[in-house]
Every structure is written in C-alpha cells, then in structure tokens.
C-alpha atoms as a PDB file:
ATOM      1  CA  MET A   1      88.573  97.573 151.946  1.00  0.00           C
ATOM      2  CA  GLU A   2      89.974  97.047 148.455  1.00  0.00           C
ATOM      3  CA  LYS A   3      93.631  97.709 147.669  1.00  0.00           C
ATOM      4  CA  ARG A   4      92.728 100.498 145.264  1.00  0.00           C
ATOM      5  CA  GLU A   5      90.596 102.205 147.895  1.00  0.00           C
ATOM      6  CA  LYS A   6      93.400 101.922 150.462  1.00  0.00           C
ATOM      7  CA  ASN A   7      95.851 103.539 148.043  1.00  0.00           C
ATOM      8  CA  PHE A   8      93.443 106.391 147.472  1.00  0.00           C
ATOM      9  CA  VAL A   9      93.060 106.982 151.225  1.00  0.00           C
ATOM     10  CA  ILE A  10      96.849 107.142 151.584  1.00  0.00           C
ATOM     11  CA  PHE A  11      97.004 109.550 148.640  1.00  0.00           C
ATOM     12  CA  PHE A  12      94.255 111.707 150.177  1.00  0.00           C
ATOM     13  CA  TYR A  13      95.911 111.983 153.594  1.00  0.00           C
ATOM     14  CA  PHE A  14      99.295 112.711 152.019  1.00  0.00           C
ATOM     15  CA  PHE A  15      97.917 115.691 150.111  1.00  0.00           C
ATOM     16  CA  THR A  16      96.017 116.847 153.193  1.00  0.00           C
ATOM     17  CA  PHE A  17      99.266 116.832 155.166  1.00  0.00           C
ATOM     18  CA  LEU A  18     101.089 118.771 152.446  1.00  0.00           C
ATOM     19  CA  PHE A  19      98.291 121.319 152.246  1.00  0.00           C
ATOM     20  CA  CYS A  20      98.262 121.895 156.020  1.00  0.00           C
ATOM     21  CA  PHE A  21     102.059 122.150 156.120  1.00  0.00           C
ATOM     22  CA  PHE A  22     102.228 124.779 153.380  1.00  0.00           C
ATOM     23  CA  VAL A  23      99.327 126.767 154.852  1.00  0.00           C
ATOM     24  CA  VAL A  24     101.061 126.889 158.247  1.00  0.00           C
ATOM     25  CA  SER A  25     104.342 127.801 156.594  1.00  0.00           C
ATOM     26  CA  TYR A  26     102.645 130.572 154.653  1.00  0.00           C
ATOM     27  CA  ALA A  27     100.896 131.876 157.794  1.00  0.00           C
ATOM     28  CA  PHE A  28     104.165 132.090 159.741  1.00  0.00           C
ATOM     29  CA  GLY A  29     105.948 133.991 156.999  1.00  0.00           C
ATOM     30  CA  ILE A  30     108.015 131.214 155.458  1.00  0.00           C
ATOM     31  CA  GLU A  31     108.380 132.096 151.778  1.00  0.00           C
ATOM     32  CA  SER A  32     105.921 134.957 152.329  1.00  0.00           C
ATOM     33  CA  ILE A  33     107.243 137.916 150.339  1.00  0.00           C
ATOM     34  CA  ALA A  34     106.187 141.560 150.006  1.00  0.00           C
ATOM     35  CA  VAL A  35     107.856 144.396 148.159  1.00  0.00           C
ATOM     36  CA  GLU A  36     107.571 148.168 148.325  1.00  0.00           C
ATOM     37  CA  VAL A  37     108.974 150.678 145.852  1.00  0.00           C
ATOM     38  CA  ILE A  38     109.917 154.095 147.274  1.00  0.00           C
ATOM     39  CA  PRO A  39     110.893 156.792 144.702  1.00  0.00           C
ATOM     40  CA  SER A  40     112.998 159.749 145.823  1.00  0.00           C
ATOM     41  CA  SER A  41     110.781 162.221 143.955  1.00  0.00           C
ATOM     42  CA  THR A  42     107.919 162.504 141.490  1.00  0.00           C
ATOM     43  CA  SER A  43     110.026 164.498 139.026  1.00  0.00           C
ATOM     44  CA  THR A  44     113.492 164.368 137.522  1.00  0.00           C
ATOM     45  CA  ALA A  45     115.571 166.123 134.892  1.00  0.00           C
ATOM     46  CA  LEU A  46     116.295 164.654 131.491  1.00  0.00           C
ATOM     47  CA  GLY A  47     119.411 162.433 131.698  1.00  0.00           C
ATOM     48  CA  ALA A  48     119.959 163.152 135.399  1.00  0.00           C
ATOM     49  CA  GLU A  49     120.431 160.427 137.980  1.00  0.00           C
ATOM     50  CA  PHE A  50     117.172 159.408 139.613  1.00  0.00           C
ATOM     51  CA  SER A  51     117.183 157.166 142.668  1.00  0.00           C
ATOM     52  CA  PHE A  52     114.561 154.944 144.237  1.00  0.00           C
ATOM     53  CA  SER A  53     114.650 152.136 146.750  1.00  0.00           C
ATOM     54  CA  ILE A  54     112.957 148.762 146.884  1.00  0.00           C
ATOM     55  CA  LYS A  55     112.170 147.211 150.260  1.00  0.00           C
ATOM     56  CA  ILE A  56     111.862 143.410 150.200  1.00  0.00           C
ATOM     57  CA  MET A  57     110.241 141.641 153.177  1.00  0.00           C
ATOM     58  CA  HIS A  58     110.775 137.872 153.247  1.00  0.00           C
ATOM     59  CA  GLY A  59     110.961 134.887 155.589  1.00  0.00           C
ATOM     60  CA  ALA A  60     113.951 134.346 157.863  1.00  0.00           C
ATOM     61  CA  GLY A  61     114.992 131.266 155.910  1.00  0.00           C
ATOM     62  CA  GLU A  62     114.936 133.004 152.507  1.00  0.00           C
ATOM     63  CA  SER A  63     117.407 135.282 150.772  1.00  0.00           C
ATOM     64  CA  VAL A  64     117.321 137.499 147.711  1.00  0.00           C
ATOM     65  CA  GLY A  65     119.070 135.832 144.807  1.00  0.00           C
ATOM     66  CA  GLU A  66     119.071 137.125 141.243  1.00  0.00           C
ATOM     67  CA  ILE A  67     117.888 140.650 140.364  1.00  0.00           C
ATOM     68  CA  VAL A  68     116.664 140.937 136.764  1.00  0.00           C
ATOM     69  CA  LYS A  69     116.690 144.504 135.443  1.00  0.00           C
ATOM     70  CA  PRO A  70     114.148 145.430 132.747  1.00  0.00           C
ATOM     71  CA  MET A  71     115.537 146.650 129.426  1.00  0.00           C
ATOM     72  CA  THR A  72     113.757 149.726 128.041  1.00  0.00           C
ATOM     73  CA  PRO A  73     115.274 152.240 125.588  1.00  0.00           C
ATOM     74  CA  GLU A  74     114.268 155.338 127.575  1.00  0.00           C
ATOM     75  CA  VAL A  75     115.521 154.127 131.001  1.00  0.00           C
ATOM     76  CA  LEU A  76     119.214 153.374 131.571  1.00  0.00           C
ATOM     77  CA  TRP A  77     120.194 151.582 134.764  1.00  0.00           C
ATOM     78  CA  SER A  78     123.298 153.029 136.448  1.00  0.00           C
ATOM     79  CA  LYS A  79     123.662 150.879 139.559  1.00  0.00           C
ATOM     80  CA  ILE A  80     121.872 148.738 142.156  1.00  0.00           C
ATOM     81  CA  GLU A  81     123.176 148.620 145.727  1.00  0.00           C
ATOM     82  CA  HIS A  82     121.970 145.628 147.706  1.00  0.00           C
ATOM     83  CA  LYS A  83     121.758 145.750 151.526  1.00  0.00           C
ATOM     84  CA  LYS A  84     120.932 142.342 152.984  1.00  0.00           C
ATOM     85  CA  GLY A  85     118.999 141.666 156.174  1.00  0.00           C
ATOM     86  CA  VAL A  86     117.510 138.715 158.070  1.00  0.00           C
ATOM     87  CA  ARG A  87     113.894 139.455 157.087  1.00  0.00           C
ATOM     88  CA  GLU A  88     114.266 142.616 155.018  1.00  0.00           C
ATOM     89  CA  ASP A  89     116.527 143.545 152.118  1.00  0.00           C
ATOM     90  CA  ILE A  90     116.935 147.031 150.625  1.00  0.00           C
ATOM     91  CA  LEU A  91     117.803 147.716 146.977  1.00  0.00           C
ATOM     92  CA  ASN A  92     119.017 151.255 146.272  1.00  0.00           C
ATOM     93  CA  CYS A  93     118.593 151.792 142.526  1.00  0.00           C
ATOM     94  CA  VAL A  94     119.860 154.606 140.301  1.00  0.00           C
ATOM     95  CA  VAL A  95     118.590 155.177 136.744  1.00  0.00           C
ATOM     96  CA  ARG A  96     118.835 157.850 134.035  1.00  0.00           C
ATOM     97  CA  ILE A  97     115.760 158.651 131.940  1.00  0.00           C
ATOM     98  CA  PHE A  98     116.079 159.893 128.375  1.00  0.00           C
ATOM     99  CA  ASP A  99     112.532 160.903 127.501  1.00  0.00           C
ATOM    100  CA  ILE A 100     110.341 163.934 128.147  1.00  0.00           C
ATOM    101  CA  GLY A 101     106.940 163.822 129.830  1.00  0.00           C
ATOM    102  CA  GLU A 102     105.254 161.155 131.927  1.00  0.00           C
ATOM    103  CA  VAL A 103     107.554 158.131 131.753  1.00  0.00           C
ATOM    104  CA  LEU A 104     106.794 154.658 133.080  1.00  0.00           C
ATOM    105  CA  VAL A 105     109.744 153.191 135.011  1.00  0.00           C
ATOM    106  CA  GLU A 106     109.728 149.405 135.039  1.00  0.00           C
ATOM    107  CA  SER A 107     111.013 147.923 138.318  1.00  0.00           C
ATOM    108  CA  PRO A 108     113.237 144.833 138.370  1.00  0.00           C
ATOM    109  CA  GLU A 109     112.138 141.233 138.887  1.00  0.00           C
ATOM    110  CA  ILE A 110     113.533 139.676 142.062  1.00  0.00           C
ATOM    111  CA  ILE A 111     114.178 136.000 142.766  1.00  0.00           C
ATOM    112  CA  VAL A 112     113.716 135.082 146.442  1.00  0.00           C
ATOM    113  CA  GLY A 113     114.263 131.407 147.129  1.00  0.00           C
ATOM    114  CA  THR A 114     112.053 129.624 144.587  1.00  0.00           C
ATOM    115  CA  ALA A 115     109.736 132.616 144.168  1.00  0.00           C
ATOM    116  CA  SER A 116     109.836 135.219 141.428  1.00  0.00           C
ATOM    117  CA  VAL A 117     108.518 138.669 142.441  1.00  0.00           C
ATOM    118  CA  LYS A 118     107.760 141.400 139.908  1.00  0.00           C
ATOM    119  CA  CYS A 119     108.117 144.756 141.655  1.00  0.00           C
ATOM    120  CA  PRO A 120     105.475 147.405 140.866  1.00  0.00           C
ATOM    121  CA  SER A 121     106.223 149.959 138.183  1.00  0.00           C
ATOM    122  CA  PHE A 122     105.718 153.694 138.699  1.00  0.00           C
ATOM    123  CA  LYS A 123     105.446 156.869 136.622  1.00  0.00           C
ATOM    124  CA  ILE A 124     107.672 159.910 136.900  1.00  0.00           C
ATOM    125  CA  SER A 125     107.537 163.340 135.292  1.00  0.00           C
ATOM    126  CA  VAL A 126     110.705 164.031 133.258  1.00  0.00           C
ATOM    127  CA  LYS A 127     111.546 167.663 132.373  1.00  0.00           C
ATOM    128  CA  GLU A 128     114.462 169.387 130.675  1.00  0.00           C
ATOM    129  CA  ARG A 129     115.228 171.204 133.877  1.00  0.00           C
ATOM    130  CA  LEU A 130     113.719 171.052 137.382  1.00  0.00           C
ATOM    131  CA  ASP A 131     112.223 173.895 139.392  1.00  0.00           C
ATOM    132  CA  ALA A 132     112.366 174.064 143.172  1.00  0.00           C
ATOM    133  CA  LYS A 133     108.739 172.872 143.431  1.00  0.00           C
ATOM    134  CA  ASP A 134     109.569 169.633 141.579  1.00  0.00           C
ATOM    135  CA  THR A 135     111.087 167.968 144.670  1.00  0.00           C
ATOM    136  CA  GLU A 136     107.861 166.564 146.160  1.00  0.00           C
ATOM    137  CA  ILE A 137     108.372 163.028 147.413  1.00  0.00           C
ATOM    138  CA  LYS A 138     105.671 160.507 146.699  1.00  0.00           C
ATOM    139  CA  LYS A 139     105.745 157.048 148.319  1.00  0.00           C
ATOM    140  CA  LEU A 140     104.191 154.294 146.268  1.00  0.00           C
ATOM    141  CA  ARG A 141     102.102 151.623 147.951  1.00  0.00           C
ATOM    142  CA  GLY A 142     103.966 148.358 148.438  1.00  0.00           C
ATOM    143  CA  GLN A 143     102.965 145.332 146.452  1.00  0.00           C
ATOM    144  CA  LYS A 144     102.643 141.996 148.239  1.00  0.00           C
ATOM    145  CA  GLY A 145     102.905 138.664 146.535  1.00  0.00           C
ATOM    146  CA  GLY A 146     105.223 136.336 144.734  1.00  0.00           C
ATOM    147  CA  GLY A 147     106.148 133.851 147.422  1.00  0.00           C
ATOM    148  CA  PHE A 148     104.792 130.356 147.766  1.00  0.00           C
ATOM    149  CA  PRO A 149     104.685 129.549 144.026  1.00  0.00           C
ATOM    150  CA  TYR A 150     103.344 126.018 144.505  1.00  0.00           C
ATOM    151  CA  PHE A 151     100.449 126.975 146.779  1.00  0.00           C
ATOM    152  CA  TYR A 152      97.778 127.156 144.077  1.00  0.00           C
ATOM    153  CA  PRO A 153      98.751 123.938 142.231  1.00  0.00           C
ATOM    154  CA  ILE A 154      98.778 122.012 145.509  1.00  0.00           C
ATOM    155  CA  ALA A 155      95.448 123.533 146.574  1.00  0.00           C
ATOM    156  CA  ALA A 156      93.959 122.667 143.173  1.00  0.00           C
ATOM    157  CA  ALA A 157      95.257 119.093 143.405  1.00  0.00           C
ATOM    158  CA  LEU A 158      93.748 118.740 146.881  1.00  0.00           C
ATOM    159  CA  LEU A 159      90.374 120.052 145.733  1.00  0.00           C
ATOM    160  CA  ILE A 160      90.393 117.605 142.811  1.00  0.00           C
ATOM    161  CA  ALA A 161      91.209 114.772 145.217  1.00  0.00           C
ATOM    162  CA  LEU A 162      88.389 115.832 147.559  1.00  0.00           C
ATOM    163  CA  ALA A 163      85.915 116.100 144.683  1.00  0.00           C
ATOM    164  CA  TYR A 164      86.920 112.658 143.427  1.00  0.00           C
ATOM    165  CA  PHE A 165      86.652 111.140 146.911  1.00  0.00           C
ATOM    166  CA  PHE A 166      83.181 112.485 147.701  1.00  0.00           C
ATOM    167  CA  THR A 167      81.853 111.880 144.164  1.00  0.00           C
ATOM    168  CA  ARG A 168      83.078 108.292 144.247  1.00  0.00           C
ATOM    169  CA  ARG A 169      81.692 107.806 147.754  1.00  0.00           C
ATOM    170  CA  LYS A 170      78.310 109.214 146.745  1.00  0.00           C
ATOM    171  CA  ARG A 171      78.216 106.979 143.660  1.00  0.00           C
ATOM    172  CA  LYS A 172      79.116 103.955 145.762  1.00  0.00           C
ATOM    173  CA  ILE A 173      76.358 104.727 148.280  1.00  0.00           C
ATOM    174  CA  LYS A 174      73.839 105.079 145.443  1.00  0.00           C
ATOM    175  CA  GLU A 175      74.933 101.758 143.983  1.00  0.00           C
ATOM    176  CA  GLN A 176      74.555 100.086 147.379  1.00  0.00           C
ATOM    177  CA  LEU A 177      71.080 101.564 147.799  1.00  0.00           C
ATOM    178  CA  LYS A 178      70.071 100.261 144.369  1.00  0.00           C
ATOM    179  CA  ASN A 179      71.155  96.757 145.295  1.00  0.00           C
ATOM    180  CA  ILE A 180      69.125  96.482 148.505  1.00  0.00           C
ATOM    181  CA  SER A 181      65.386  96.080 148.847  1.00  0.00           C
ATOM    182  CA  PRO A 182      63.203  98.639 150.640  1.00  0.00           C
ATOM    183  CA  GLU A 183      62.765  96.093 153.444  1.00  0.00           C
ATOM    184  CA  GLU A 184      66.531  95.685 153.931  1.00  0.00           C
ATOM    185  CA  TRP A 185      67.018  99.455 153.915  1.00  0.00           C
ATOM    186  CA  TYR A 186      64.156  99.976 156.382  1.00  0.00           C
ATOM    187  CA  ILE A 187      65.308  97.347 158.888  1.00  0.00           C
ATOM    188  CA  GLY A 188      68.913  98.563 158.611  1.00  0.00           C
ATOM    189  CA  GLU A 189      67.955 102.182 159.349  1.00  0.00           C
ATOM    190  CA  ILE A 190      65.864 101.173 162.378  1.00  0.00           C
ATOM    191  CA  GLU A 191      68.763  99.155 163.775  1.00  0.00           C
ATOM    192  CA  LYS A 192      71.025 102.191 163.467  1.00  0.00           C
ATOM    193  CA  LEU A 193      68.823 104.218 165.835  1.00  0.00           C
ATOM    194  CA  ASN A 194      70.156 105.089 169.260  1.00  0.00           C
ATOM    195  CA  LEU A 195      67.608 103.484 171.565  1.00  0.00           C
ATOM    196  CA  ASP A 196      69.123 105.275 174.577  1.00  0.00           C
ATOM    197  CA  ALA A 197      67.878 108.613 173.263  1.00  0.00           C
ATOM    198  CA  ASP A 198      64.668 110.338 174.271  1.00  0.00           C
ATOM    199  CA  VAL A 199      61.603 108.152 173.555  1.00  0.00           C
ATOM    200  CA  LYS A 200      59.831 110.979 171.717  1.00  0.00           C
ATOM    201  CA  GLU A 201      62.830 111.439 169.376  1.00  0.00           C
ATOM    202  CA  ILE A 202      63.080 107.689 168.759  1.00  0.00           C
ATOM    203  CA  LEU A 203      59.409 107.356 167.824  1.00  0.00           C
ATOM    204  CA  ASP A 204      59.562 110.468 165.667  1.00  0.00           C
ATOM    205  CA  ALA A 205      62.494 108.910 163.756  1.00  0.00           C
ATOM    206  CA  VAL A 206      60.785 105.514 163.463  1.00  0.00           C
ATOM    207  CA  SER A 207      57.614 107.164 162.168  1.00  0.00           C
ATOM    208  CA  ASP A 208      59.601 109.019 159.485  1.00  0.00           C
ATOM    209  CA  LEU A 209      61.465 105.841 158.511  1.00  0.00           C
ATOM    210  CA  TYR A 210      58.170 103.985 158.100  1.00  0.00           C
ATOM    211  CA  ARG A 211      56.842 106.776 155.880  1.00  0.00           C
ATOM    212  CA  ILE A 212      59.989 106.676 153.728  1.00  0.00           C
ATOM    213  CA  TYR A 213      59.724 102.895 153.530  1.00  0.00           C
ATOM    214  CA  ILE A 214      56.143 103.180 152.243  1.00  0.00           C
ATOM    215  CA  GLU A 215      57.333 105.746 149.699  1.00  0.00           C
ATOM    216  CA  LYS A 216      60.119 103.463 148.483  1.00  0.00           C
ATOM    217  CA  LYS A 217      57.900 100.391 148.436  1.00  0.00           C
ATOM    218  CA  TYR A 218      54.672 101.796 146.970  1.00  0.00           C
ATOM    219  CA  ASN A 219      55.845 105.022 145.305  1.00  0.00           C
ATOM    220  CA  PHE A 220      53.762 107.632 147.045  1.00  0.00           C
ATOM    221  CA  ALA A 221      55.100 110.533 149.095  1.00  0.00           C
ATOM    222  CA  ALA A 222      54.083 109.353 152.563  1.00  0.00           C
ATOM    223  CA  ILE A 223      56.748 111.498 154.252  1.00  0.00           C
ATOM    224  CA  TYR A 224      54.712 114.603 153.367  1.00  0.00           C
ATOM    225  CA  LEU A 225      51.348 113.158 154.467  1.00  0.00           C
ATOM    226  CA  SER A 226      49.661 113.052 157.848  1.00  0.00           C
ATOM    227  CA  SER A 227      48.682 109.714 159.363  1.00  0.00           C
ATOM    228  CA  SER A 228      45.063 110.098 158.254  1.00  0.00           C
ATOM    229  CA  GLU A 229      46.138 111.017 154.723  1.00  0.00           C
ATOM    230  CA  ILE A 230      48.332 107.919 154.585  1.00  0.00           C
ATOM    231  CA  MET A 231      45.370 105.758 155.611  1.00  0.00           C
ATOM    232  CA  LYS A 232      43.246 107.339 152.887  1.00  0.00           C
ATOM    233  CA  GLU A 233      45.958 106.731 150.285  1.00  0.00           C
ATOM    234  CA  MET A 234      46.396 103.115 151.389  1.00  0.00           C
ATOM    235  CA  LYS A 235      42.649 102.535 151.131  1.00  0.00           C
ATOM    236  CA  GLU A 236      42.555 103.979 147.600  1.00  0.00           C
ATOM    237  CA  ARG A 237      45.452 101.725 146.613  1.00  0.00           C
ATOM    238  CA  GLY A 238      43.667  98.611 147.793  1.00  0.00           C
ATOM    239  CA  PHE A 239      45.584  97.743 150.963  1.00  0.00           C
ATOM    240  CA  GLU A 240      43.908  95.094 153.084  1.00  0.00           C
ATOM    241  CA  SER A 241      41.883  96.433 156.006  1.00  0.00           C
ATOM    242  CA  GLU A 242      43.991  94.588 158.617  1.00  0.00           C
ATOM    243  CA  GLU A 243      47.192  96.081 157.165  1.00  0.00           C
ATOM    244  CA  ARG A 244      45.666  99.556 157.178  1.00  0.00           C
ATOM    245  CA  MET A 245      44.489  99.133 160.785  1.00  0.00           C
ATOM    246  CA  ALA A 246      47.946  97.970 161.884  1.00  0.00           C
ATOM    247  CA  SER A 247      49.606 100.956 160.172  1.00  0.00           C
ATOM    248  CA  ALA A 248      47.037 103.355 161.630  1.00  0.00           C
ATOM    249  CA  ALA A 249      47.580 102.049 165.157  1.00  0.00           C
ATOM    250  CA  PHE A 250      51.372 102.264 164.821  1.00  0.00           C
ATOM    251  CA  LEU A 251      51.380 105.811 163.401  1.00  0.00           C
ATOM    252  CA  HIS A 252      48.821 106.921 165.996  1.00  0.00           C
ATOM    253  CA  SER A 253      51.066 105.650 168.802  1.00  0.00           C
ATOM    254  CA  CYS A 254      53.986 107.633 167.368  1.00  0.00           C
ATOM    255  CA  ASP A 255      51.807 110.741 166.973  1.00  0.00           C
ATOM    256  CA  LEU A 256      50.752 110.516 170.635  1.00  0.00           C
ATOM    257  CA  ALA A 257      54.395 110.723 171.701  1.00  0.00           C
ATOM    258  CA  LYS A 258      55.197 113.493 169.236  1.00  0.00           C
ATOM    259  CA  PHE A 259      52.174 115.776 169.593  1.00  0.00           C
ATOM    260  CA  ALA A 260      50.339 114.753 172.795  1.00  0.00           C
ATOM    261  CA  LYS A 261      53.554 114.283 174.849  1.00  0.00           C
ATOM    262  CA  LYS A 262      52.500 110.761 175.804  1.00  0.00           C
ATOM    263  CA  VAL A 263      55.194 109.047 177.877  1.00  0.00           C
ATOM    264  CA  TYR A 264      55.929 105.420 176.960  1.00  0.00           C
ATOM    265  CA  GLU A 265      57.697 102.949 179.193  1.00  0.00           C
ATOM    266  CA  ARG A 266      60.727 101.118 177.837  1.00  0.00           C
ATOM    267  CA  VAL A 267      58.741  97.900 177.332  1.00  0.00           C
ATOM    268  CA  GLU A 268      56.155  99.811 175.267  1.00  0.00           C
ATOM    269  CA  LEU A 269      58.930 101.370 173.192  1.00  0.00           C
ATOM    270  CA  ASP A 270      60.368  97.906 172.522  1.00  0.00           C
ATOM    271  CA  ARG A 271      56.951  96.764 171.355  1.00  0.00           C
ATOM    272  CA  LEU A 272      56.625  99.703 168.957  1.00  0.00           C
ATOM    273  CA  ILE A 273      60.109  99.089 167.518  1.00  0.00           C
ATOM    274  CA  ALA A 274      59.198  95.430 167.012  1.00  0.00           C
ATOM    275  CA  ARG A 275      55.934  96.500 165.384  1.00  0.00           C
ATOM    276  CA  ALA A 276      57.825  98.826 163.029  1.00  0.00           C
ATOM    277  CA  LYS A 277      60.168  96.025 161.968  1.00  0.00           C
ATOM    278  CA  SER A 278      57.257  93.609 161.472  1.00  0.00           C
ATOM    279  CA  PHE A 279      55.905  95.724 158.586  1.00  0.00           C
ATOM    280  CA  ALA A 280      59.003  94.882 156.539  1.00  0.00           C
ATOM    281  CA  ALA A 281      59.102  91.289 157.778  1.00  0.00           C
ATOM    282  CA  ALA A 282      55.512  90.857 156.609  1.00  0.00           C
ATOM    283  CA  LYS A 283      56.603  91.638 153.049  1.00  0.00           C
ATOM    284  CA  GLU A 284      59.540  89.238 153.079  1.00  0.00           C
ATOM    285  CA  ASN A 285      57.612  86.213 154.375  1.00  0.00           C
ATOM    286  CA  GLU A 286      54.820  84.481 152.527  1.00  0.00           C
ATOM    287  CA  ASN A 287      52.462  84.042 155.485  1.00  0.00           C
ATOM    288  CA  PRO A 288      53.675  86.426 158.209  1.00  0.00           C
ATOM    289  CA  PRO A 289      51.714  87.051 161.404  1.00  0.00           C
ATOM    290  CA  LEU A 290      49.943  90.371 161.218  1.00  0.00           C
ATOM    291  CA  TYR A 291      50.718  91.120 164.844  1.00  0.00           C
ATOM    292  CA  SER A 292      54.074  90.779 166.545  1.00  0.00           C
ATOM    293  CA  PRO A 293      54.282  88.156 169.335  1.00  0.00           C
ATOM    294  CA  LEU A 294      55.186  91.038 171.650  1.00  0.00           C
ATOM    295  CA  PHE A 295      51.619  92.352 171.275  1.00  0.00           C
ATOM    296  CA  LYS A 296      48.403  90.988 172.579  1.00  0.00           C
ATOM    297  CA  ARG A 297      45.793  90.240 169.984  1.00  0.00           C
ATOM    298  CA  GLY A 298      43.969  93.486 169.232  1.00  0.00           C
ATOM    299  CA  GLU A 299      46.581  95.695 170.948  1.00  0.00           C
ATOM    300  CA  ILE A 300      49.416  97.565 169.213  1.00  0.00           C
ATOM    301  CA  GLY A 301      51.671  99.888 171.208  1.00  0.00           C
ATOM    302  CA  GLY A 302      48.967 100.550 173.792  1.00  0.00           C
ATOM    303  CA  ILE A 303      46.353 101.291 171.109  1.00  0.00           C
ATOM    304  CA  TYR A 304      43.415  98.891 170.842  1.00  0.00           C
ATOM    305  CA  VAL A 305      42.095  98.049 167.388  1.00  0.00           C
END
C-alpha cells in the first residue's frame, strides 16, 4: 500500500471515530439543548409589566452563559431572573410594551457552552386597559435546537471523505480492469470461487463467468443468451467447429446441474473447472490442446462429443 493511501486510511478512520463520538454524545444529551417559552398571558396593558419564563433543557456538563437581550423600540426589558439547575435552567423575564395591538415580542439569545440558541418569539395583544377576560394563559410550544454546532460540518466532512474514498476506489478498480486481458480476468474470477460450496451454485457461477468472458473477448452479450443461442452466434462469427463443440459440451454440462438437477461428483466438478480455465488458456497459447488432459478424448464433463 502506498504512503499516500495509508495516510488517507488514517484520515478516514479518524473522521469516522469523531463522527461516532459526536453522534453518541448527541444521543445521550451532551450539548443537546431545547428551550420553551411560557408567557403569563396572551394580553397585557400598555406600559404594564408583562412576565414570561424561558425553560432551558441542556446536558449535565453544560451551563447557561451569556444571555443576549434583543433591542426593539416597543419592548423595554425590566429584568431577567436566572435560576440554575443541573439539566434545566429557568429564566423569569419581565418586559414593558409600549405599542397598541398585536405586538411581536422577541425572545433573548442564549449561549450554552459553545452553542447559541435563539429562543422562539411570540405575539401578545396590547391594550390600553385590560378586562377580566384578558387573563387567558397560553403556553407556547417549546423550540428544540441550538446545541451541537459542529455536527453538520463534521458530518459533511465525513460524507466528502466517504465519497472521495469510494470514487477513488472505483476509479482504481476500473483502471486495473483496463490493464488486464479478458483471459487474466476470467482465470482470476474462477480462482476466487469457493469450491466448497454447492456444486450447482459453483457451476452456475462458472457458466456465467464464461459467458461474461465471451462478451469481453468477442463483444457480444452472451450473458443474456441461452446455450443454444450462444452456439448460433459463435457459428455466425466463424468460430471453428471444434471450439463450438467444446463450448457447447461445457455449457450443456452446467445446464444439466442448473436445470436438470444433475449431481456431479467432486472429480467431475474438477474436470469442468479445468475445462472452463482451458478456454482462456487456449487463447494465450499458440498451439493449445483443445481438450484438457483431465478429459478423455471425446468426453467433456461427462458429455460425449
């Protein structure tokens, strides 16, 4: 493995570790913040004190730091009382509103650890004087968010790293495939097969590999053709009769296992694997034997030709 590739692997695992750590931290409430604004009423009198509370839920290791009050001409902040807790802080806020009608009250921005949380705003009806019916309490839905400010940049960096890794890997595989001959690819894929698997599955895989090899070598879609269609195509393309007969016998042997449930002994399977490899070997040698030494003359995989 090249030095550059090793460095990239280290970089990849480092970001994977960071990502997993922050996800676990986020799941267990570390730097996970939610806020809820609770007004004392939906109405208030012009210039009168109006109170509302802000509930801040945070991780055990975090604490509320700075509280930034919004500056608007129609809302004057009187005081903020801060009650601290292990996982929950309460801000009791008092404001005076100097405007008539439906007024938007901007809530403060709260700094918790490294996170900045903007509390939700709410509207209140301001009148010159209040009637008895104007004391209805309305609880606003809490707003969650704010914590874990570096989650998205780290996630984005990890996704970029993953995309780079798989794109580079795919490009490298393509380059390797371009540099090898169909024969080398074919033999290599056969040698990767698990010969301890079911014989039917092995022969099905070998049959498909041979079809793909023909497609790569002679540029016709053998993988989508039946054995008889392949023989017809080979005849039209001028293949020698002995080569066509050898291919027909091999594919027929594979078809017997796949469709007719024919059971082959291990020695017969070894002969068929050797026969499959011999197709590529015949193209690499100038004067190759048509039949593998493992076969008797005129017999291929139990099929007489």
